[in-house]
Amino acid sequence: MKQFYLLVCSLTMLLLCACSDSGSNDLGNEKDLITVSPTSVNIDKDGGSFALSVKATRVPSVSSSATWITLESRASNDNSYTLTMKAEANTETVDREATLTISCGEANQKVLVTQSAKDVLTVEPAKISIDDQEQT
């Protein structure tokens, strides 16, 4: 009976050690990680390109809340990526914002993009009456 008890204890310890989370070599359970820099970008009214530096455990994807920003290119070096984004010119008379979401599996980071409005000249009042006498 004592030998049976030792055998059961040994098997139990072996199973507990084999199922431990520490030192696991299961690569399929690698945690998705991502960092993005910068996390906010200001774009001129004329638009143009800007780059985001990304460190991720796998190839990142990009989605935008606005159609005026698109992914222009993606370059990689190991787990470092450079995402070059292109913003169209702002033809509106108000500043605009968009949110980019950079994802790596389950992990994601958000980048706020702000673009200034086009130049506008506003004259108030719109109508001025002048009589025939000299006025300043």
N, C-alpha and C. Protein backbone atom coordinates (compact mmCIF):
# COMPACT_ATOMS: atom_id res chain seq x y z
N MET A 1 0.83 -1.19 0.00
CA MET A 1 0.00 0.00 0.00
C MET A 1 0.86 1.25 0.00
N LYS A 2 1.98 1.19 0.74
CA LYS A 2 2.88 2.33 0.80
C LYS A 2 3.48 2.61 -0.58
N GLN A 3 3.79 1.56 -1.33
CA GLN A 3 4.35 1.72 -2.67
C GLN A 3 3.30 2.34 -3.61
N PHE A 4 2.04 1.91 -3.48
CA PHE A 4 0.96 2.47 -4.30
C PHE A 4 0.80 3.96 -4.01
N TYR A 5 0.84 4.34 -2.74
CA TYR A 5 0.73 5.74 -2.34
C TYR A 5 1.87 6.56 -2.93
N LEU A 6 3.10 6.06 -2.88
CA LEU A 6 4.26 6.76 -3.46
C LEU A 6 4.12 6.90 -4.97
N LEU A 7 3.60 5.87 -5.63
CA LEU A 7 3.40 5.92 -7.08
C LEU A 7 2.37 6.98 -7.45
N VAL A 8 1.26 7.04 -6.72
CA VAL A 8 0.21 8.04 -6.97
C VAL A 8 0.75 9.45 -6.73
N CYS A 9 1.49 9.65 -5.67
CA CYS A 9 2.07 10.97 -5.36
C CYS A 9 3.07 11.37 -6.45
N SER A 10 3.87 10.45 -6.90
CA SER A 10 4.86 10.74 -7.94
C SER A 10 4.18 11.13 -9.24
N LEU A 11 3.16 10.38 -9.63
CA LEU A 11 2.43 10.69 -10.86
C LEU A 11 1.71 12.03 -10.76
N THR A 12 1.16 12.32 -9.59
CA THR A 12 0.48 13.61 -9.38
C THR A 12 1.47 14.76 -9.52
N MET A 13 2.64 14.64 -8.91
CA MET A 13 3.66 15.69 -9.02
C MET A 13 4.12 15.87 -10.46
N LEU A 14 4.28 14.77 -11.17
CA LEU A 14 4.71 14.82 -12.57
C LEU A 14 3.67 15.56 -13.41
N LEU A 15 2.39 15.25 -13.19
CA LEU A 15 1.33 15.91 -13.94
C LEU A 15 1.25 17.41 -13.60
N LEU A 16 1.40 17.74 -12.34
CA LEU A 16 1.35 19.16 -11.94
C LEU A 16 2.50 19.93 -12.56
N CYS A 17 3.68 19.37 -12.58
CA CYS A 17 4.83 20.05 -13.18
C CYS A 17 4.68 20.17 -14.69
N ALA A 18 4.12 19.17 -15.34
CA ALA A 18 3.95 19.18 -16.78
C ALA A 18 2.91 20.19 -17.21
N CYS A 19 1.93 20.50 -16.36
CA CYS A 19 0.85 21.42 -16.72
C CYS A 19 1.10 22.83 -16.22
N SER A 20 2.25 23.09 -15.68
CA SER A 20 2.57 24.42 -15.15
C SER A 20 2.66 25.44 -16.27
N ASP A 21 2.22 26.69 -16.01
CA ASP A 21 2.30 27.76 -17.00
C ASP A 21 3.71 28.29 -17.16
N SER A 22 4.55 28.17 -16.15
CA SER A 22 5.89 28.72 -16.23
C SER A 22 6.75 27.89 -17.15
N GLY A 23 7.48 28.59 -18.03
CA GLY A 23 8.38 27.91 -18.94
C GLY A 23 7.68 27.18 -20.06
N SER A 24 6.45 27.53 -20.36
CA SER A 24 5.72 26.86 -21.42
C SER A 24 6.36 27.16 -22.76
N ASN A 25 6.48 26.14 -23.59
CA ASN A 25 7.06 26.30 -24.93
C ASN A 25 6.00 26.31 -26.01
N ASP A 26 4.73 26.45 -25.65
CA ASP A 26 3.65 26.45 -26.63
C ASP A 26 3.59 27.80 -27.31
N LEU A 27 4.15 27.92 -28.53
CA LEU A 27 4.21 29.20 -29.23
C LEU A 27 2.84 29.67 -29.69
N GLY A 28 1.88 28.78 -29.79
CA GLY A 28 0.54 29.17 -30.22
C GLY A 28 -0.17 30.04 -29.20
N ASN A 29 0.31 30.07 -27.97
CA ASN A 29 -0.32 30.86 -26.92
C ASN A 29 0.44 32.15 -26.65
N GLU A 30 1.32 32.57 -27.55
CA GLU A 30 2.08 33.81 -27.36
C GLU A 30 1.11 34.99 -27.31
N LYS A 31 1.28 35.83 -26.34
CA LYS A 31 0.39 36.99 -26.15
C LYS A 31 0.67 38.04 -27.23
N ASP A 32 -0.40 38.58 -27.81
CA ASP A 32 -0.27 39.65 -28.80
C ASP A 32 0.09 40.94 -28.09
N LEU A 33 1.15 41.60 -28.55
CA LEU A 33 1.59 42.86 -27.98
C LEU A 33 1.80 43.87 -29.09
N ILE A 34 1.52 45.15 -28.79
CA ILE A 34 1.72 46.21 -29.79
C ILE A 34 1.97 47.54 -29.08
N THR A 35 2.90 48.32 -29.62
CA THR A 35 3.10 49.70 -29.19
C THR A 35 3.22 50.56 -30.45
N VAL A 36 2.64 51.75 -30.40
CA VAL A 36 2.62 52.65 -31.55
C VAL A 36 3.11 54.01 -31.11
N SER A 37 3.91 54.64 -31.96
CA SER A 37 4.40 55.99 -31.70
C SER A 37 4.42 56.77 -33.01
N PRO A 38 3.93 57.99 -33.00
CA PRO A 38 3.26 58.72 -31.94
C PRO A 38 1.81 58.26 -31.80
N THR A 39 1.15 58.68 -30.73
CA THR A 39 -0.25 58.32 -30.51
C THR A 39 -1.20 59.45 -30.93
N SER A 40 -0.63 60.58 -31.38
CA SER A 40 -1.45 61.65 -31.96
C SER A 40 -0.62 62.35 -33.03
N VAL A 41 -1.31 62.80 -34.09
CA VAL A 41 -0.66 63.42 -35.23
C VAL A 41 -1.48 64.62 -35.66
N ASN A 42 -0.80 65.75 -35.97
CA ASN A 42 -1.45 66.94 -36.52
C ASN A 42 -1.03 67.06 -37.98
N ILE A 43 -2.01 67.17 -38.86
CA ILE A 43 -1.76 67.24 -40.30
C ILE A 43 -2.13 68.63 -40.82
N ASP A 44 -1.31 69.15 -41.70
CA ASP A 44 -1.57 70.42 -42.36
C ASP A 44 -2.82 70.31 -43.24
N LYS A 45 -3.47 71.42 -43.52
CA LYS A 45 -4.68 71.44 -44.33
C LYS A 45 -4.46 70.86 -45.72
N ASP A 46 -3.22 70.92 -46.22
CA ASP A 46 -2.92 70.41 -47.56
C ASP A 46 -2.74 68.90 -47.61
N GLY A 47 -2.78 68.25 -46.46
CA GLY A 47 -2.63 66.79 -46.41
C GLY A 47 -1.17 66.38 -46.54
N GLY A 48 -0.95 65.13 -46.87
CA GLY A 48 0.40 64.62 -47.03
C GLY A 48 0.58 63.31 -46.29
N SER A 49 1.83 62.85 -46.25
CA SER A 49 2.14 61.57 -45.62
C SER A 49 2.73 61.75 -44.23
N PHE A 50 2.51 60.76 -43.39
CA PHE A 50 3.11 60.72 -42.06
C PHE A 50 3.36 59.27 -41.70
N ALA A 51 4.34 59.03 -40.83
CA ALA A 51 4.74 57.66 -40.48
C ALA A 51 4.43 57.35 -39.03
N LEU A 52 4.05 56.11 -38.79
CA LEU A 52 3.85 55.58 -37.45
C LEU A 52 4.86 54.46 -37.24
N SER A 53 5.51 54.48 -36.10
CA SER A 53 6.45 53.43 -35.72
C SER A 53 5.71 52.42 -34.85
N VAL A 54 5.75 51.15 -35.26
CA VAL A 54 4.98 50.12 -34.56
C VAL A 54 5.91 48.96 -34.18
N LYS A 55 5.79 48.52 -32.93
CA LYS A 55 6.45 47.29 -32.48
C LYS A 55 5.33 46.32 -32.16
N ALA A 56 5.36 45.14 -32.80
CA ALA A 56 4.28 44.19 -32.63
C ALA A 56 4.79 42.76 -32.74
N THR A 57 4.08 41.84 -32.11
CA THR A 57 4.48 40.44 -32.13
C THR A 57 4.12 39.76 -33.45
N ARG A 58 3.31 40.41 -34.28
CA ARG A 58 3.03 39.95 -35.64
C ARG A 58 2.65 41.13 -36.51
N VAL A 59 2.45 40.91 -37.80
CA VAL A 59 2.20 42.00 -38.75
C VAL A 59 0.94 42.77 -38.34
N PRO A 60 1.06 44.09 -38.16
CA PRO A 60 -0.09 44.89 -37.74
C PRO A 60 -1.02 45.22 -38.90
N SER A 61 -2.28 45.44 -38.58
CA SER A 61 -3.25 45.92 -39.56
C SER A 61 -3.73 47.30 -39.11
N VAL A 62 -4.27 48.06 -40.07
CA VAL A 62 -4.71 49.43 -39.78
C VAL A 62 -6.13 49.62 -40.25
N SER A 63 -6.94 50.26 -39.42
CA SER A 63 -8.27 50.70 -39.86
C SER A 63 -8.42 52.16 -39.48
N SER A 64 -9.22 52.88 -40.27
CA SER A 64 -9.40 54.30 -40.06
C SER A 64 -10.88 54.62 -39.93
N SER A 65 -11.20 55.59 -39.08
CA SER A 65 -12.59 56.03 -38.93
C SER A 65 -12.98 57.01 -40.04
N ALA A 66 -12.01 57.37 -40.89
CA ALA A 66 -12.27 58.35 -41.96
C ALA A 66 -11.72 57.84 -43.29
N THR A 67 -12.39 58.21 -44.36
CA THR A 67 -11.94 57.79 -45.68
C THR A 67 -10.81 58.67 -46.22
N TRP A 68 -10.53 59.79 -45.58
CA TRP A 68 -9.50 60.70 -46.07
C TRP A 68 -8.10 60.32 -45.61
N ILE A 69 -7.97 59.23 -44.85
CA ILE A 69 -6.66 58.71 -44.44
C ILE A 69 -6.56 57.26 -44.92
N THR A 70 -5.46 56.94 -45.62
CA THR A 70 -5.26 55.59 -46.12
C THR A 70 -3.83 55.13 -45.83
N LEU A 71 -3.66 53.81 -45.82
CA LEU A 71 -2.34 53.21 -45.65
C LEU A 71 -1.61 53.31 -46.99
N GLU A 72 -0.45 53.95 -46.98
CA GLU A 72 0.33 54.12 -48.19
C GLU A 72 1.36 53.00 -48.35
N SER A 73 2.05 52.63 -47.25
CA SER A 73 3.01 51.54 -47.31
C SER A 73 3.29 50.98 -45.93
N ARG A 74 3.86 49.77 -45.91
CA ARG A 74 4.23 49.10 -44.66
C ARG A 74 5.62 48.51 -44.87
N ALA A 75 6.57 48.88 -44.01
CA ALA A 75 7.92 48.33 -44.06
C ALA A 75 8.19 47.63 -42.74
N SER A 76 8.99 46.55 -42.78
CA SER A 76 9.23 45.81 -41.55
C SER A 76 10.70 45.44 -41.39
N ASN A 77 11.07 45.28 -40.11
CA ASN A 77 12.38 44.81 -39.73
C ASN A 77 12.18 44.05 -38.43
N ASP A 78 12.14 42.71 -38.50
CA ASP A 78 11.83 41.84 -37.36
C ASP A 78 10.44 42.20 -36.81
N ASN A 79 10.34 42.62 -35.56
CA ASN A 79 9.05 42.96 -34.97
C ASN A 79 8.81 44.47 -34.95
N SER A 80 9.55 45.22 -35.77
CA SER A 80 9.37 46.66 -35.89
C SER A 80 8.81 46.97 -37.27
N TYR A 81 7.83 47.83 -37.31
CA TYR A 81 7.15 48.17 -38.57
C TYR A 81 7.05 49.68 -38.68
N THR A 82 7.11 50.17 -39.91
CA THR A 82 6.84 51.57 -40.20
C THR A 82 5.62 51.60 -41.11
N LEU A 83 4.56 52.23 -40.62
CA LEU A 83 3.34 52.38 -41.40
C LEU A 83 3.29 53.81 -41.90
N THR A 84 3.28 53.97 -43.20
CA THR A 84 3.19 55.31 -43.78
C THR A 84 1.75 55.53 -44.21
N MET A 85 1.16 56.59 -43.65
CA MET A 85 -0.23 56.91 -43.91
C MET A 85 -0.30 58.15 -44.79
N LYS A 86 -1.35 58.26 -45.59
CA LYS A 86 -1.55 59.43 -46.45
C LYS A 86 -2.88 60.07 -46.12
N ALA A 87 -2.84 61.39 -45.91
CA ALA A 87 -4.06 62.17 -45.63
C ALA A 87 -4.34 63.08 -46.82
N GLU A 88 -5.58 63.11 -47.26
CA GLU A 88 -5.99 64.01 -48.34
C GLU A 88 -6.09 65.44 -47.81
N ALA A 89 -6.07 66.41 -48.71
CA ALA A 89 -6.24 67.81 -48.33
C ALA A 89 -7.63 68.01 -47.73
N ASN A 90 -7.72 68.90 -46.75
CA ASN A 90 -9.00 69.23 -46.14
C ASN A 90 -9.64 70.37 -46.92
N THR A 91 -10.75 70.08 -47.58
CA THR A 91 -11.45 71.11 -48.38
C THR A 91 -12.59 71.75 -47.60
N GLU A 92 -12.75 71.33 -46.34
CA GLU A 92 -13.81 71.86 -45.49
C GLU A 92 -13.33 73.10 -44.74
N THR A 93 -14.25 73.85 -44.20
CA THR A 93 -13.92 75.07 -43.47
C THR A 93 -13.80 74.84 -41.96
N VAL A 94 -13.80 73.59 -41.55
CA VAL A 94 -13.64 73.23 -40.13
C VAL A 94 -12.53 72.18 -40.00
N ASP A 95 -11.86 72.21 -38.84
CA ASP A 95 -10.87 71.17 -38.56
C ASP A 95 -11.58 69.82 -38.50
N ARG A 96 -10.84 68.76 -38.78
CA ARG A 96 -11.44 67.43 -38.70
C ARG A 96 -10.52 66.46 -37.97
N GLU A 97 -11.13 65.39 -37.45
CA GLU A 97 -10.39 64.38 -36.70
C GLU A 97 -10.72 62.99 -37.21
N ALA A 98 -9.77 62.08 -37.03
CA ALA A 98 -9.99 60.67 -37.35
C ALA A 98 -9.24 59.84 -36.31
N THR A 99 -9.69 58.63 -36.12
CA THR A 99 -9.01 57.70 -35.23
C THR A 99 -8.52 56.52 -36.04
N LEU A 100 -7.22 56.25 -35.94
CA LEU A 100 -6.63 55.07 -36.56
C LEU A 100 -6.54 53.99 -35.49
N THR A 101 -6.87 52.78 -35.84
CA THR A 101 -6.72 51.65 -34.93
C THR A 101 -5.69 50.71 -35.54
N ILE A 102 -4.57 50.54 -34.84
CA ILE A 102 -3.51 49.66 -35.29
C ILE A 102 -3.66 48.38 -34.46
N SER A 103 -3.85 47.24 -35.14
CA SER A 103 -4.13 45.98 -34.45
C SER A 103 -3.08 44.92 -34.71
N CYS A 104 -2.88 44.11 -33.69
CA CYS A 104 -2.01 42.94 -33.75
C CYS A 104 -2.76 41.83 -33.03
N GLY A 105 -3.50 41.03 -33.80
CA GLY A 105 -4.33 40.00 -33.17
C GLY A 105 -5.36 40.64 -32.26
N GLU A 106 -5.34 40.27 -30.98
CA GLU A 106 -6.28 40.80 -29.99
C GLU A 106 -5.88 42.17 -29.46
N ALA A 107 -4.61 42.53 -29.60
CA ALA A 107 -4.11 43.81 -29.07
C ALA A 107 -4.31 44.92 -30.09
N ASN A 108 -4.58 46.14 -29.62
CA ASN A 108 -4.66 47.29 -30.53
C ASN A 108 -4.30 48.57 -29.81
N GLN A 109 -3.92 49.56 -30.61
CA GLN A 109 -3.59 50.90 -30.13
C GLN A 109 -4.32 51.89 -31.02
N LYS A 110 -4.72 53.01 -30.44
CA LYS A 110 -5.41 54.04 -31.21
C LYS A 110 -4.51 55.25 -31.39
N VAL A 111 -4.63 55.89 -32.56
CA VAL A 111 -3.88 57.10 -32.88
C VAL A 111 -4.89 58.15 -33.31
N LEU A 112 -4.86 59.32 -32.68
CA LEU A 112 -5.75 60.42 -33.03
C LEU A 112 -5.07 61.29 -34.07
N VAL A 113 -5.76 61.52 -35.19
CA VAL A 113 -5.24 62.37 -36.27
C VAL A 113 -6.13 63.60 -36.37
N THR A 114 -5.53 64.78 -36.28
CA THR A 114 -6.25 66.05 -36.39
C THR A 114 -5.72 66.79 -37.60
N GLN A 115 -6.64 67.33 -38.41
CA GLN A 115 -6.23 68.09 -39.60
C GLN A 115 -6.91 69.46 -39.58
N SER A 116 -6.10 70.49 -39.83
CA SER A 116 -6.64 71.85 -39.83
C SER A 116 -7.48 72.10 -41.08
N ALA A 117 -8.40 73.06 -40.93
CA ALA A 117 -9.32 73.42 -42.02
C ALA A 117 -8.60 74.23 -43.09
N LYS A 118 -9.22 74.28 -44.27
CA LYS A 118 -8.66 75.11 -45.34
C LYS A 118 -8.79 76.58 -44.93
N ASP A 119 -7.96 77.42 -45.55
CA ASP A 119 -8.01 78.84 -45.25
C ASP A 119 -9.32 79.44 -45.77
N VAL A 120 -9.94 80.27 -44.93
CA VAL A 120 -11.22 80.88 -45.29
C VAL A 120 -11.19 82.35 -44.88
N LEU A 121 -11.69 83.20 -45.74
CA LEU A 121 -11.83 84.62 -45.42
C LEU A 121 -13.31 84.90 -45.25
N THR A 122 -13.67 85.40 -44.09
CA THR A 122 -15.06 85.74 -43.80
C THR A 122 -15.14 87.23 -43.53
N VAL A 123 -16.10 87.89 -44.17
CA VAL A 123 -16.29 89.33 -43.99
C VAL A 123 -17.66 89.54 -43.35
N GLU A 124 -17.68 90.31 -42.26
CA GLU A 124 -18.93 90.60 -41.57
C GLU A 124 -19.08 92.11 -41.47
N PRO A 125 -20.11 92.75 -41.67
CA PRO A 125 -21.34 92.23 -42.26
C PRO A 125 -21.16 91.99 -43.76
N ALA A 126 -22.02 91.22 -44.31
CA ALA A 126 -21.93 90.87 -45.72
C ALA A 126 -22.37 92.02 -46.64
N LYS A 127 -23.10 92.99 -46.09
CA LYS A 127 -23.61 94.09 -46.93
C LYS A 127 -23.34 95.41 -46.20
N ILE A 128 -22.81 96.38 -46.93
CA ILE A 128 -22.54 97.71 -46.37
C ILE A 128 -23.19 98.74 -47.29
N SER A 129 -23.93 99.67 -46.71
CA SER A 129 -24.55 100.74 -47.50
C SER A 129 -23.73 102.01 -47.32
N ILE A 130 -23.43 102.68 -48.44
CA ILE A 130 -22.67 103.93 -48.41
C ILE A 130 -23.47 104.97 -49.18
N ASP A 131 -23.69 106.13 -48.54
CA ASP A 131 -24.38 107.18 -49.26
C ASP A 131 -23.38 108.04 -50.03
N ASP A 132 -23.84 109.09 -50.69
CA ASP A 132 -22.98 109.88 -51.55
C ASP A 132 -22.11 110.89 -50.81
N GLN A 133 -22.21 110.95 -49.49
CA GLN A 133 -21.34 111.83 -48.72
C GLN A 133 -20.09 111.08 -48.29
N GLU A 134 -19.01 111.82 -48.17
CA GLU A 134 -17.74 111.19 -47.82
C GLU A 134 -17.80 110.60 -46.41
N GLN A 135 -17.38 109.34 -46.30
CA GLN A 135 -17.37 108.65 -45.01
C GLN A 135 -16.08 107.85 -44.87
N THR A 136 -15.74 107.56 -43.65
CA THR A 136 -14.55 106.72 -43.39
C THR A 136 -14.98 105.34 -43.01
